[in-house]
Structure formats: structure tokens, C-alpha cells
């Protein structure tokens, strides 16, 4: 998807209305129109990047600071008992809008939201997986 067709780029330009809660020169935060809980927000860079893989490190670093600022404000504003911050990447990872974004979701003890299921590693699988990842991380 290119910038011209991106719903978040259209929100940035004002072509599509949103309930903005924070904005600076390079980022924007606005309330999700289909929230998990009241106060659920999205934090995005103003420049169009598809996902975590294509977003420059400096942009991700700045975006994480804005995400923290927004999370604290949301927690206080809605009296949340916790915050879940997530980022979905690629369709298999649950990404629907292909513009880098973090979800900031206020959480409550009895909100019913469950995180993903967990499993155990098979024999030897954890070591083999760790080794493959370490190989990928080598410079």
C-alpha cells in the first residue's frame, strides 16, 4: 500500500477526521474508532513506513518515547489499572493497516481481554531456536 491509499496518511493530512490526542512534528496519536477499551489509542509516525522492518531506528526510538507519554496520559485519564502496548506486523502478525503504529490499550482487571495462548517447547527446540536467532543477530 502506498501513502496515497493509506488511511493513516489520510488521517495525518486531515482528509479523514480523527480524535487526535497528541501531535508533534513527526508523530501523531489518536483514539481508535473500534477500541478494545475506552481510551485505546494509536501512535503513528507522520512519515509512511509499512511496518517495523521498514521503519528507521531513529523513528522507532522517537515513537517509543511518544508511546510512553501517551500511555501515561491514558492510564491517568481513564483510571486504567494497566496498559498493553502492541504492534502487529504483516498479515500473519495481525497487521491490518500497513502504516507503522503502536496500539496503546488501557486495561482493567476484569475487562475480559486475554493475551495469546502459550505452549511448551519440544525437546531441544528452545536451544535450536535460540541458536538460529543468535546467528541472525550476528553482524
C-alpha atoms as a PDB file:
ATOM      1  CA  UNK A   1       0.000   0.000   0.000  1.00  0.00           C
ATOM      2  CA  UNK A   2       1.311   3.447  -0.817  1.00  0.00           C
ATOM      3  CA  UNK A   3       0.849   6.688   1.068  1.00  0.00           C
ATOM      4  CA  UNK A   4      -1.898   7.841  -1.298  1.00  0.00           C
ATOM      5  CA  UNK A   5      -4.152   4.933  -0.280  1.00  0.00           C
ATOM      6  CA  UNK A   6      -3.149   4.729   3.391  1.00  0.00           C
ATOM      7  CA  UNK A   7      -5.942   5.541   5.852  1.00  0.00           C
ATOM      8  CA  UNK A   8      -3.429   6.716   8.473  1.00  0.00           C
ATOM      9  CA  UNK A   9      -1.744   9.051   5.973  1.00  0.00           C
ATOM     10  CA  UNK A  10      -5.211  10.477   5.251  1.00  0.00           C
ATOM     11  CA  UNK A  11      -5.727  10.999   8.991  1.00  0.00           C
ATOM     12  CA  UNK A  12      -2.375  12.815   9.172  1.00  0.00           C
ATOM     13  CA  UNK A  13      -3.365  15.189   6.358  1.00  0.00           C
ATOM     14  CA  UNK A  14      -6.846  15.748   7.807  1.00  0.00           C
ATOM     15  CA  UNK A  15      -8.555  14.131   4.832  1.00  0.00           C
ATOM     16  CA  UNK A  16     -10.130  11.672   7.286  1.00  0.00           C
ATOM     17  CA  UNK A  17     -11.220  13.055  10.670  1.00  0.00           C
ATOM     18  CA  UNK A  18      -9.873  11.611  13.908  1.00  0.00           C
ATOM     19  CA  UNK A  19      -9.894  12.335  17.599  1.00  0.00           C
ATOM     20  CA  UNK A  20      -6.282  13.449  17.963  1.00  0.00           C
ATOM     21  CA  UNK A  21      -4.826  13.302  21.454  1.00  0.00           C
ATOM     22  CA  UNK A  22      -1.175  14.151  20.748  1.00  0.00           C
ATOM     23  CA  UNK A  23       0.794  15.591  17.864  1.00  0.00           C
ATOM     24  CA  UNK A  24       4.310  16.830  17.238  1.00  0.00           C
ATOM     25  CA  UNK A  25       6.388  17.411  14.111  1.00  0.00           C
ATOM     26  CA  UNK A  26       6.916  13.738  13.353  1.00  0.00           C
ATOM     27  CA  UNK A  27       4.214  11.742  15.201  1.00  0.00           C
ATOM     28  CA  UNK A  28       0.507  11.628  15.869  1.00  0.00           C
ATOM     29  CA  UNK A  29      -1.651   9.810  18.416  1.00  0.00           C
ATOM     30  CA  UNK A  30      -5.405   9.431  18.070  1.00  0.00           C
ATOM     31  CA  UNK A  31      -8.187   7.346  19.562  1.00  0.00           C
ATOM     32  CA  UNK A  32      -9.005   4.067  17.832  1.00  0.00           C
ATOM     33  CA  UNK A  33     -12.550   4.148  16.410  1.00  0.00           C
ATOM     34  CA  UNK A  34     -13.004   0.468  17.368  1.00  0.00           C
ATOM     35  CA  UNK A  35     -11.447   0.417  20.837  1.00  0.00           C
ATOM     36  CA  UNK A  36     -10.730  -2.603  22.990  1.00  0.00           C
ATOM     37  CA  UNK A  37     -11.422  -0.321  25.972  1.00  0.00           C
ATOM     38  CA  UNK A  38     -12.219   3.379  26.290  1.00  0.00           C
ATOM     39  CA  UNK A  39      -9.045   5.354  25.645  1.00  0.00           C
ATOM     40  CA  UNK A  40      -7.482   2.818  23.227  1.00  0.00           C
ATOM     41  CA  UNK A  41      -5.167   4.906  21.047  1.00  0.00           C
ATOM     42  CA  UNK A  42      -2.847   4.506  18.080  1.00  0.00           C
ATOM     43  CA  UNK A  43       0.564   6.162  17.903  1.00  0.00           C
ATOM     44  CA  UNK A  44       1.965   6.600  14.385  1.00  0.00           C
ATOM     45  CA  UNK A  45       4.852   8.309  12.619  1.00  0.00           C
ATOM     46  CA  UNK A  46       3.829  11.063  10.218  1.00  0.00           C
ATOM     47  CA  UNK A  47       6.111   9.594   7.574  1.00  0.00           C
ATOM     48  CA  UNK A  48       4.737   6.486   5.904  1.00  0.00           C
ATOM     49  CA  UNK A  49       6.502   3.241   6.766  1.00  0.00           C
ATOM     50  CA  UNK A  50       4.800  -0.105   6.302  1.00  0.00           C
ATOM     51  CA  UNK A  51       5.923  -1.906   9.468  1.00  0.00           C
ATOM     52  CA  UNK A  52       8.728  -2.368  11.994  1.00  0.00           C
ATOM     53  CA  UNK A  53      11.066  -3.775   9.316  1.00  0.00           C
ATOM     54  CA  UNK A  54      10.942  -0.665   7.132  1.00  0.00           C
ATOM     55  CA  UNK A  55      10.800   1.977   9.868  1.00  0.00           C
ATOM     56  CA  UNK A  56      14.150   3.688  10.568  1.00  0.00           C
ATOM     57  CA  UNK A  57      15.633   3.094  14.011  1.00  0.00           C
ATOM     58  CA  UNK A  58      15.514   6.790  14.903  1.00  0.00           C
ATOM     59  CA  UNK A  59      11.803   6.916  14.073  1.00  0.00           C
ATOM     60  CA  UNK A  60      11.093   3.848  16.203  1.00  0.00           C
ATOM     61  CA  UNK A  61      13.070   5.320  19.094  1.00  0.00           C
ATOM     62  CA  UNK A  62      11.135   8.580  18.958  1.00  0.00           C
ATOM     63  CA  UNK A  63       7.848   6.743  18.528  1.00  0.00           C
ATOM     64  CA  UNK A  64       8.533   4.667  21.640  1.00  0.00           C
ATOM     65  CA  UNK A  65       9.004   7.847  23.702  1.00  0.00           C
ATOM     66  CA  UNK A  66       5.714   9.253  22.426  1.00  0.00           C
ATOM     67  CA  UNK A  67       4.027   5.904  23.094  1.00  0.00           C
ATOM     68  CA  UNK A  68       5.210   6.061  26.711  1.00  0.00           C
ATOM     69  CA  UNK A  69       3.958   9.645  27.099  1.00  0.00           C
ATOM     70  CA  UNK A  70       0.571   8.725  25.627  1.00  0.00           C
ATOM     71  CA  UNK A  71       0.343   5.561  27.757  1.00  0.00           C
ATOM     72  CA  UNK A  72       0.869   7.506  30.978  1.00  0.00           C
ATOM     73  CA  UNK A  73      -1.732  10.103  29.951  1.00  0.00           C
ATOM     74  CA  UNK A  74      -4.298   7.455  29.002  1.00  0.00           C
ATOM     75  CA  UNK A  75      -3.727   5.468  32.197  1.00  0.00           C
ATOM     76  CA  UNK A  76      -4.341   8.566  34.297  1.00  0.00           C
ATOM     77  CA  UNK A  77      -7.235   9.893  32.205  1.00  0.00           C
ATOM     78  CA  UNK A  78      -9.315   6.705  32.239  1.00  0.00           C
ATOM     79  CA  UNK A  79      -8.114   5.371  35.607  1.00  0.00           C
ATOM     80  CA  UNK A  80      -6.726   2.240  33.961  1.00  0.00           C
ATOM     81  CA  UNK A  81      -5.226  -0.481  36.118  1.00  0.00           C
ATOM     82  CA  UNK A  82      -2.640  -1.265  33.443  1.00  0.00           C
ATOM     83  CA  UNK A  83      -1.676  -0.678  29.822  1.00  0.00           C
ATOM     84  CA  UNK A  84      -0.996  -3.091  26.985  1.00  0.00           C
ATOM     85  CA  UNK A  85       1.205  -1.787  24.173  1.00  0.00           C
ATOM     86  CA  UNK A  86       1.323  -3.802  20.978  1.00  0.00           C
ATOM     87  CA  UNK A  87       2.466  -3.616  17.385  1.00  0.00           C
ATOM     88  CA  UNK A  88       1.244  -6.031  14.716  1.00  0.00           C
ATOM     89  CA  UNK A  89       3.487  -6.683  11.707  1.00  0.00           C
ATOM     90  CA  UNK A  90       2.405  -8.343   8.458  1.00  0.00           C
ATOM     91  CA  UNK A  91      -0.924 -10.140   7.979  1.00  0.00           C
ATOM     92  CA  UNK A  92       0.188 -13.248   9.892  1.00  0.00           C
ATOM     93  CA  UNK A  93       1.049 -10.953  12.819  1.00  0.00           C
ATOM     94  CA  UNK A  94      -2.398  -9.357  12.747  1.00  0.00           C
ATOM     95  CA  UNK A  95      -1.479  -6.162  10.868  1.00  0.00           C
ATOM     96  CA  UNK A  96      -4.489  -4.663   9.086  1.00  0.00           C
ATOM     97  CA  UNK A  97      -3.329  -1.097   8.364  1.00  0.00           C
ATOM     98  CA  UNK A  98       0.066  -1.108   6.661  1.00  0.00           C
ATOM     99  CA  UNK A  99       1.450   2.021   8.303  1.00  0.00           C
ATOM    100  CA  UNK A 100       3.695   1.576  11.341  1.00  0.00           C
ATOM    101  CA  UNK A 101       1.678   2.010  14.534  1.00  0.00           C
ATOM    102  CA  UNK A 102       1.561   1.092  18.195  1.00  0.00           C
ATOM    103  CA  UNK A 103      -1.678   0.268  19.997  1.00  0.00           C
ATOM    104  CA  UNK A 104      -1.935   1.728  23.497  1.00  0.00           C
ATOM    105  CA  UNK A 105      -4.732  -0.158  25.235  1.00  0.00           C
ATOM    106  CA  UNK A 106      -5.875   0.756  28.746  1.00  0.00           C
ATOM    107  CA  UNK A 107      -6.505  -2.366  30.781  1.00  0.00           C
ATOM    108  CA  UNK A 108      -8.723  -3.258  33.703  1.00  0.00           C
ATOM    109  CA  UNK A 109      -8.604  -6.365  35.906  1.00  0.00           C
ATOM    110  CA  UNK A 110     -11.997  -7.594  34.729  1.00  0.00           C
ATOM    111  CA  UNK A 111     -12.017  -6.357  31.112  1.00  0.00           C
ATOM    112  CA  UNK A 112     -12.022  -9.936  29.778  1.00  0.00           C
ATOM    113  CA  UNK A 113      -9.169  -9.323  27.337  1.00  0.00           C
ATOM    114  CA  UNK A 114      -6.966 -12.382  27.137  1.00  0.00           C
ATOM    115  CA  UNK A 115      -3.474 -12.452  25.709  1.00  0.00           C
ATOM    116  CA  UNK A 116      -2.275 -15.113  23.301  1.00  0.00           C
ATOM    117  CA  UNK A 117      -2.152 -18.784  24.254  1.00  0.00           C
ATOM    118  CA  UNK A 118       1.168 -20.272  25.299  1.00  0.00           C
ATOM    119  CA  UNK A 119       2.783 -23.643  24.706  1.00  0.00           C
ATOM    120  CA  UNK A 120       5.842 -25.607  25.802  1.00  0.00           C
ATOM    121  CA  UNK A 121       8.915 -26.138  23.621  1.00  0.00           C
ATOM    122  CA  UNK A 122       9.565 -29.675  22.381  1.00  0.00           C
ATOM    123  CA  UNK A 123      12.804 -31.343  23.483  1.00  0.00           C
ATOM    124  CA  UNK A 124      15.781 -29.431  22.070  1.00  0.00           C
ATOM    125  CA  UNK A 125      13.577 -26.911  20.293  1.00  0.00           C
ATOM    126  CA  UNK A 126      14.365 -23.967  22.573  1.00  0.00           C
ATOM    127  CA  UNK A 127      18.135 -24.350  22.146  1.00  0.00           C
ATOM    128  CA  UNK A 128      17.900 -24.813  18.381  1.00  0.00           C
ATOM    129  CA  UNK A 129      15.632 -21.786  18.043  1.00  0.00           C
ATOM    130  CA  UNK A 130      17.891 -19.629  20.202  1.00  0.00           C
ATOM    131  CA  UNK A 131      20.908 -20.597  18.110  1.00  0.00           C
ATOM    132  CA  UNK A 132      19.138 -19.675  14.848  1.00  0.00           C
ATOM    133  CA  UNK A 133      18.178 -16.282  16.288  1.00  0.00           C
ATOM    134  CA  UNK A 134      21.713 -15.641  17.572  1.00  0.00           C
ATOM    135  CA  UNK A 135      23.051 -16.399  14.076  1.00  0.00           C
ATOM    136  CA  UNK A 136      20.630 -13.848  12.586  1.00  0.00           C
ATOM    137  CA  UNK A 137      21.774 -11.242  15.131  1.00  0.00           C
ATOM    138  CA  UNK A 138      25.457 -11.552  14.266  1.00  0.00           C
ATOM    139  CA  UNK A 139      26.874  -8.567  12.406  1.00  0.00           C
END
